[in-house]
N, C-alpha and C. Protein backbone atom coordinates (compact mmCIF):
# COMPACT_ATOMS: atom_id res chain seq x y z
N GLN A 1 102.07 127.59 107.94
CA GLN A 1 101.40 126.53 108.65
C GLN A 1 100.28 125.95 107.81
N VAL A 2 100.24 124.63 107.76
CA VAL A 2 99.21 123.93 107.01
C VAL A 2 98.62 122.85 107.91
N GLN A 3 97.32 122.72 107.88
CA GLN A 3 96.64 121.65 108.60
C GLN A 3 96.00 120.72 107.58
N LEU A 4 96.20 119.43 107.77
CA LEU A 4 95.66 118.42 106.88
C LEU A 4 94.85 117.43 107.70
N VAL A 5 93.65 117.15 107.26
CA VAL A 5 92.78 116.22 107.97
C VAL A 5 92.25 115.18 106.99
N GLU A 6 92.67 113.94 107.18
CA GLU A 6 92.21 112.84 106.33
C GLU A 6 90.93 112.24 106.88
N SER A 7 90.14 111.69 105.97
CA SER A 7 88.93 110.99 106.36
C SER A 7 88.58 110.00 105.26
N GLY A 8 87.65 109.12 105.55
CA GLY A 8 87.15 108.19 104.55
C GLY A 8 87.65 106.77 104.67
N GLY A 9 88.57 106.53 105.58
CA GLY A 9 89.06 105.18 105.75
C GLY A 9 88.03 104.28 106.40
N GLY A 10 88.31 103.00 106.40
CA GLY A 10 87.40 102.05 107.00
C GLY A 10 87.74 100.64 106.61
N LEU A 11 86.81 99.75 106.90
CA LEU A 11 86.96 98.33 106.57
C LEU A 11 86.18 98.03 105.30
N VAL A 12 86.85 97.41 104.35
CA VAL A 12 86.22 97.08 103.09
C VAL A 12 86.66 95.69 102.64
N GLN A 13 85.78 95.01 101.95
CA GLN A 13 86.09 93.69 101.44
C GLN A 13 86.98 93.79 100.20
N ALA A 14 87.84 92.81 100.02
CA ALA A 14 88.69 92.77 98.83
C ALA A 14 87.84 92.91 97.57
N GLY A 15 88.33 93.74 96.65
CA GLY A 15 87.59 94.01 95.43
C GLY A 15 86.70 95.23 95.52
N GLY A 16 86.53 95.75 96.71
CA GLY A 16 85.68 96.89 96.92
C GLY A 16 86.38 98.21 96.63
N SER A 17 85.66 99.29 96.89
CA SER A 17 86.16 100.63 96.62
C SER A 17 86.01 101.52 97.85
N LEU A 18 86.83 102.54 97.88
CA LEU A 18 86.81 103.49 98.99
C LEU A 18 87.37 104.82 98.49
N ARG A 19 86.86 105.92 99.01
CA ARG A 19 87.40 107.22 98.66
C ARG A 19 87.89 107.93 99.91
N LEU A 20 89.15 108.32 99.88
CA LEU A 20 89.74 109.07 100.96
C LEU A 20 89.73 110.55 100.63
N SER A 21 89.59 111.37 101.65
CA SER A 21 89.62 112.81 101.48
C SER A 21 90.65 113.42 102.41
N CYS A 22 91.24 114.51 101.99
CA CYS A 22 92.19 115.25 102.80
C CYS A 22 91.86 116.73 102.68
N ALA A 23 91.36 117.30 103.75
CA ALA A 23 91.01 118.71 103.76
C ALA A 23 92.21 119.52 104.23
N ALA A 24 92.61 120.49 103.43
CA ALA A 24 93.77 121.31 103.73
C ALA A 24 93.36 122.73 104.07
N SER A 25 94.08 123.31 105.01
CA SER A 25 93.85 124.70 105.37
C SER A 25 95.16 125.31 105.83
N GLY A 26 95.25 126.63 105.77
CA GLY A 26 96.44 127.31 106.22
C GLY A 26 97.18 128.02 105.10
N ASP A 27 98.50 127.94 105.13
CA ASP A 27 99.36 128.66 104.20
C ASP A 27 99.30 128.05 102.80
N THR A 28 98.62 128.72 101.91
CA THR A 28 98.43 128.17 100.57
C THR A 28 99.68 128.13 99.72
N ILE A 29 100.72 128.88 100.09
CA ILE A 29 101.94 128.83 99.31
C ILE A 29 102.62 127.47 99.45
N CYS A 30 102.27 126.74 100.47
CA CYS A 30 102.83 125.40 100.69
C CYS A 30 102.02 124.32 99.98
N ILE A 31 100.92 124.69 99.40
CA ILE A 31 100.04 123.72 98.77
C ILE A 31 100.13 123.85 97.25
N SER A 32 100.97 123.04 96.66
CA SER A 32 101.09 122.96 95.21
C SER A 32 100.95 121.48 94.83
N ALA A 33 102.05 120.76 94.78
CA ALA A 33 101.97 119.31 94.64
C ALA A 33 101.46 118.72 95.95
N MET A 34 100.68 117.66 95.85
CA MET A 34 100.15 116.96 97.01
C MET A 34 100.26 115.47 96.76
N GLY A 35 100.29 114.70 97.82
CA GLY A 35 100.40 113.27 97.63
C GLY A 35 99.77 112.47 98.74
N TRP A 36 99.52 111.21 98.43
CA TRP A 36 99.05 110.24 99.41
C TRP A 36 100.16 109.22 99.66
N PHE A 37 100.44 108.99 100.92
CA PHE A 37 101.38 107.97 101.35
C PHE A 37 100.62 106.93 102.16
N ARG A 38 101.22 105.78 102.34
CA ARG A 38 100.64 104.79 103.23
C ARG A 38 101.74 104.07 103.99
N GLN A 39 101.38 103.57 105.15
CA GLN A 39 102.31 102.82 105.96
C GLN A 39 101.60 101.65 106.62
N ALA A 40 102.07 100.47 106.34
CA ALA A 40 101.56 99.26 106.95
C ALA A 40 102.45 98.88 108.12
N PRO A 41 101.92 98.14 109.09
CA PRO A 41 102.73 97.74 110.24
C PRO A 41 104.02 97.03 109.82
N GLY A 42 105.14 97.48 110.37
CA GLY A 42 106.41 96.87 110.07
C GLY A 42 107.02 97.26 108.74
N LYS A 43 106.38 98.15 108.02
CA LYS A 43 106.88 98.58 106.73
C LYS A 43 107.15 100.08 106.71
N GLU A 44 107.97 100.50 105.76
CA GLU A 44 108.26 101.91 105.61
C GLU A 44 107.09 102.63 104.95
N ARG A 45 106.98 103.89 105.25
CA ARG A 45 105.97 104.70 104.59
C ARG A 45 106.34 104.85 103.12
N GLU A 46 105.36 104.68 102.24
CA GLU A 46 105.62 104.74 100.81
C GLU A 46 104.65 105.69 100.12
N LEU A 47 105.14 106.29 99.06
CA LEU A 47 104.31 107.16 98.25
C LEU A 47 103.38 106.31 97.38
N VAL A 48 102.10 106.61 97.45
CA VAL A 48 101.11 105.88 96.68
C VAL A 48 100.74 106.63 95.41
N ALA A 49 100.47 107.91 95.55
CA ALA A 49 100.05 108.73 94.42
C ALA A 49 100.36 110.18 94.70
N ALA A 50 100.61 110.94 93.65
CA ALA A 50 100.90 112.36 93.78
C ALA A 50 100.24 113.12 92.64
N ILE A 51 99.95 114.37 92.91
CA ILE A 51 99.39 115.25 91.89
C ILE A 51 100.15 116.55 91.94
N THR A 52 100.59 117.04 90.79
CA THR A 52 101.41 118.23 90.72
C THR A 52 100.56 119.49 90.69
N GLY A 53 101.24 120.62 90.72
CA GLY A 53 100.55 121.89 90.67
C GLY A 53 99.77 122.11 89.40
N ASP A 54 100.19 121.45 88.32
CA ASP A 54 99.45 121.56 87.06
C ASP A 54 98.58 120.34 86.80
N ASP A 55 98.31 119.57 87.84
CA ASP A 55 97.37 118.44 87.83
C ASP A 55 97.87 117.20 87.10
N SER A 56 99.17 117.10 86.86
CA SER A 56 99.71 115.84 86.38
C SER A 56 99.74 114.86 87.55
N THR A 57 99.58 113.58 87.27
CA THR A 57 99.51 112.59 88.33
C THR A 57 100.58 111.53 88.19
N ASN A 58 100.95 110.95 89.33
CA ASN A 58 101.93 109.89 89.39
C ASN A 58 101.44 108.83 90.36
N TYR A 59 101.69 107.57 90.06
CA TYR A 59 101.24 106.47 90.89
C TYR A 59 102.33 105.44 91.09
N ALA A 60 102.31 104.83 92.26
CA ALA A 60 103.16 103.68 92.49
C ALA A 60 102.69 102.55 91.59
N ASP A 61 103.63 101.73 91.14
CA ASP A 61 103.28 100.64 90.25
C ASP A 61 102.22 99.71 90.85
N SER A 62 102.26 99.56 92.15
CA SER A 62 101.35 98.64 92.82
C SER A 62 99.89 99.08 92.78
N VAL A 63 99.65 100.35 92.50
CA VAL A 63 98.28 100.85 92.51
C VAL A 63 97.81 101.39 91.17
N LYS A 64 98.68 101.41 90.18
CA LYS A 64 98.30 101.92 88.87
C LYS A 64 97.10 101.16 88.31
N GLY A 65 96.16 101.92 87.79
CA GLY A 65 94.95 101.32 87.24
C GLY A 65 93.87 101.06 88.26
N ARG A 66 94.21 101.18 89.55
CA ARG A 66 93.24 100.93 90.61
C ARG A 66 92.92 102.18 91.43
N PHE A 67 93.92 103.03 91.62
CA PHE A 67 93.74 104.24 92.42
C PHE A 67 93.76 105.47 91.52
N THR A 68 93.01 106.48 91.91
CA THR A 68 93.00 107.74 91.20
C THR A 68 93.10 108.89 92.19
N ILE A 69 94.09 109.75 91.99
CA ILE A 69 94.24 110.92 92.84
C ILE A 69 93.65 112.13 92.12
N SER A 70 92.99 112.97 92.86
CA SER A 70 92.40 114.18 92.30
C SER A 70 92.29 115.22 93.39
N ARG A 71 91.95 116.42 93.00
CA ARG A 71 91.74 117.47 94.00
C ARG A 71 90.73 118.48 93.52
N ASP A 72 90.12 119.12 94.49
CA ASP A 72 89.19 120.20 94.25
C ASP A 72 89.83 121.44 94.87
N ASN A 73 90.43 122.25 94.04
CA ASN A 73 91.15 123.42 94.54
C ASN A 73 90.23 124.42 95.23
N ALA A 74 89.00 124.53 94.75
CA ALA A 74 88.05 125.45 95.36
C ALA A 74 87.74 125.05 96.80
N LYS A 75 87.77 123.75 97.07
CA LYS A 75 87.49 123.25 98.41
C LYS A 75 88.76 122.92 99.19
N ASN A 76 89.92 123.10 98.56
CA ASN A 76 91.19 122.76 99.18
C ASN A 76 91.18 121.33 99.72
N THR A 77 90.68 120.43 98.89
CA THR A 77 90.54 119.04 99.30
C THR A 77 91.20 118.11 98.29
N LEU A 78 91.96 117.18 98.80
CA LEU A 78 92.63 116.16 98.01
C LEU A 78 91.87 114.85 98.18
N TYR A 79 91.77 114.07 97.11
CA TYR A 79 91.04 112.81 97.15
C TYR A 79 91.91 111.67 96.65
N LEU A 80 91.60 110.48 97.13
CA LEU A 80 92.18 109.26 96.59
C LEU A 80 91.05 108.26 96.45
N HIS A 81 90.67 108.00 95.21
CA HIS A 81 89.65 106.99 94.96
C HIS A 81 90.34 105.67 94.73
N MET A 82 89.99 104.68 95.52
CA MET A 82 90.62 103.38 95.47
C MET A 82 89.58 102.35 95.05
N SER A 83 89.92 101.56 94.06
CA SER A 83 89.04 100.49 93.60
C SER A 83 89.83 99.20 93.50
N SER A 84 89.11 98.10 93.33
CA SER A 84 89.74 96.78 93.26
C SER A 84 90.73 96.59 94.40
N LEU A 85 90.30 96.94 95.58
CA LEU A 85 91.18 96.90 96.74
C LEU A 85 91.62 95.49 97.08
N LYS A 86 92.85 95.39 97.53
CA LYS A 86 93.47 94.13 97.90
C LYS A 86 93.87 94.17 99.36
N PRO A 87 93.98 93.02 100.01
CA PRO A 87 94.46 93.01 101.40
C PRO A 87 95.81 93.71 101.56
N GLU A 88 96.64 93.66 100.53
CA GLU A 88 97.94 94.32 100.57
C GLU A 88 97.84 95.85 100.65
N ASP A 89 96.67 96.39 100.38
CA ASP A 89 96.45 97.82 100.48
C ASP A 89 96.19 98.27 101.91
N THR A 90 96.04 97.34 102.81
CA THR A 90 95.78 97.67 104.20
C THR A 90 96.93 98.48 104.78
N ALA A 91 96.62 99.65 105.30
CA ALA A 91 97.64 100.56 105.83
C ALA A 91 96.96 101.79 106.39
N VAL A 92 97.75 102.61 107.06
CA VAL A 92 97.30 103.95 107.41
C VAL A 92 97.70 104.86 106.26
N TYR A 93 96.75 105.61 105.75
CA TYR A 93 96.99 106.49 104.62
C TYR A 93 97.10 107.94 105.09
N TYR A 94 98.11 108.62 104.59
CA TYR A 94 98.39 110.00 104.97
C TYR A 94 98.45 110.90 103.75
N CYS A 95 97.98 112.11 103.87
CA CYS A 95 98.24 113.08 102.82
C CYS A 95 99.40 113.96 103.23
N ASN A 96 100.07 114.53 102.24
CA ASN A 96 101.30 115.26 102.48
C ASN A 96 101.47 116.36 101.44
N THR A 97 102.12 117.43 101.84
CA THR A 97 102.33 118.58 100.96
C THR A 97 103.64 118.55 100.20
N ASP A 98 104.45 117.51 100.39
CA ASP A 98 105.75 117.43 99.73
C ASP A 98 106.01 116.03 99.21
N PRO A 99 105.21 115.56 98.27
CA PRO A 99 105.36 114.17 97.80
C PRO A 99 106.67 113.89 97.08
N PHE A 100 107.29 114.91 96.52
CA PHE A 100 108.53 114.72 95.79
C PHE A 100 109.76 115.12 96.58
N GLY A 101 109.58 115.56 97.81
CA GLY A 101 110.69 115.91 98.66
C GLY A 101 111.51 117.08 98.17
N ASP A 102 110.89 118.00 97.49
CA ASP A 102 111.63 119.10 96.88
C ASP A 102 111.18 120.49 97.34
N VAL A 103 110.48 120.53 98.48
CA VAL A 103 110.10 121.83 99.02
C VAL A 103 110.82 122.05 100.34
N GLY A 104 110.79 123.28 100.81
CA GLY A 104 111.43 123.59 102.07
C GLY A 104 110.74 122.90 103.24
N VAL A 105 111.48 122.70 104.32
CA VAL A 105 110.93 122.00 105.48
C VAL A 105 109.72 122.71 106.07
N ARG A 106 109.63 123.98 105.88
CA ARG A 106 108.50 124.74 106.42
C ARG A 106 107.21 124.46 105.66
N CYS A 107 107.32 123.79 104.52
CA CYS A 107 106.15 123.45 103.72
C CYS A 107 105.90 121.95 103.66
N ASP A 108 106.53 121.18 104.52
CA ASP A 108 106.36 119.74 104.56
C ASP A 108 105.41 119.40 105.72
N TYR A 109 104.17 119.07 105.39
CA TYR A 109 103.17 118.79 106.41
C TYR A 109 102.48 117.47 106.15
N TRP A 110 102.04 116.84 107.24
CA TRP A 110 101.34 115.56 107.19
C TRP A 110 100.02 115.65 107.92
N GLY A 111 99.06 114.88 107.45
CA GLY A 111 97.82 114.71 108.18
C GLY A 111 97.99 113.66 109.25
N GLN A 112 96.94 113.41 109.99
CA GLN A 112 97.00 112.44 111.10
C GLN A 112 96.85 111.00 110.63
N GLY A 113 96.40 110.81 109.41
CA GLY A 113 96.25 109.49 108.85
C GLY A 113 94.84 108.93 109.02
N THR A 114 94.47 108.07 108.10
CA THR A 114 93.20 107.37 108.18
C THR A 114 93.43 105.90 107.85
N GLN A 115 92.87 105.02 108.66
CA GLN A 115 93.11 103.59 108.53
C GLN A 115 92.24 102.98 107.44
N VAL A 116 92.89 102.24 106.55
CA VAL A 116 92.18 101.45 105.54
C VAL A 116 92.50 99.99 105.78
N THR A 117 91.47 99.19 105.96
CA THR A 117 91.65 97.77 106.19
C THR A 117 90.85 97.01 105.13
N VAL A 118 91.54 96.16 104.39
CA VAL A 118 90.91 95.38 103.33
C VAL A 118 90.92 93.92 103.76
N SER A 119 89.75 93.36 103.89
CA SER A 119 89.63 91.97 104.32
C SER A 119 89.60 91.04 103.12
N SER A 120 90.08 89.83 103.32
CA SER A 120 90.09 88.83 102.27
C SER A 120 88.99 87.80 102.44
């Protein structure tokens, strides 16, 4: 069992920055690779960024150069620093324990999501 709690969302002007946090607790064997997903109204949930167990990172083309994923293992916290935000980034952002879809279902967990709204 893993519990994920996102925070840090809010309303920001285009061009601004925001940092999202995801606090994880529970079964640590399920916490290796981690990722941030987002879902906008009427759109499918998409992977934004992921970080592997050895701290390699991956980003969607739409956010490369603007978003940075990181984690503090001592605090069991995942971060997503977002800069140069665009209205297109508006979505609910979720953290997840299976960004690559390659773990067992018992280790696939989602947070409740945090809303990010970017105004133009």
